[in-house]
Amino acid sequence: GAEAAAVTAIIGMVTSVGDYFIADRPFVYAIREISTNTILFLGAYRGLE
């Protein structure tokens, strides 16, 4: 079987590209660990369907 868990807290430094982000087209996003540059999560937003 498979087991999944959710984390509700964010620990560490959070950075953003700018003050706001308009998602008016598909995009890919990633959460990475800075010191090792390891991608922890990779996702894609394809819009509202």
Protein backbone atom coordinates (compact mmCIF):
# COMPACT_ATOMS: atom_id res chain seq x y z
CA GLY A 1 0.00 0.00 0.00
CA ALA A 2 0.86 3.66 -0.05
CA GLU A 3 1.02 6.14 2.79
CA ALA A 4 0.76 9.92 2.50
CA ALA A 5 1.00 12.78 4.97
CA ALA A 6 0.36 16.51 4.83
CA VAL A 7 2.47 19.22 6.42
CA THR A 8 0.74 22.38 7.57
CA ALA A 9 3.79 24.42 8.62
CA ILE A 10 6.43 26.07 6.49
CA ILE A 11 9.88 26.25 8.07
CA GLY A 12 12.75 28.24 6.59
CA MET A 13 13.20 31.08 4.18
CA VAL A 14 10.44 31.76 1.67
CA THR A 15 11.22 33.93 -1.33
CA SER A 16 9.09 35.14 -4.19
CA VAL A 17 9.67 36.69 -7.59
CA GLY A 18 7.69 39.83 -6.85
CA ASP A 19 4.88 41.32 -4.81
CA TYR A 20 2.19 39.30 -6.60
CA PHE A 21 1.82 36.63 -9.25
CA ILE A 22 -0.99 36.42 -11.81
CA ALA A 23 -1.65 32.82 -12.89
CA ASP A 24 -3.29 33.50 -16.25
CA ARG A 25 -1.56 30.62 -18.08
CA PRO A 26 -0.13 27.18 -17.23
CA PHE A 27 3.11 27.12 -15.24
CA VAL A 28 5.44 24.75 -13.39
CA TYR A 29 6.47 25.31 -9.77
CA ALA A 30 9.03 23.71 -7.45
CA ILE A 31 9.93 23.66 -3.77
CA ARG A 32 13.64 23.14 -3.29
CA GLU A 33 16.05 22.84 -0.39
CA ILE A 34 18.51 25.70 -0.78
CA SER A 35 21.74 24.31 0.70
CA THR A 36 21.74 21.13 -1.44
CA ASN A 37 19.64 22.53 -4.31
CA THR A 38 17.46 19.40 -4.07
CA ILE A 39 13.94 19.63 -5.51
CA LEU A 40 11.54 18.43 -2.81
CA PHE A 41 8.30 18.94 -4.74
CA LEU A 42 7.54 19.68 -8.39
CA GLY A 43 4.09 20.53 -9.69
CA ALA A 44 2.24 21.97 -12.66
CA TYR A 45 -0.75 24.29 -12.76
CA ARG A 46 -2.84 23.84 -15.90
CA GLY A 47 -5.65 26.24 -15.12
CA LEU A 48 -9.24 25.86 -14.04
CA GLU A 49 -10.95 23.09 -15.91
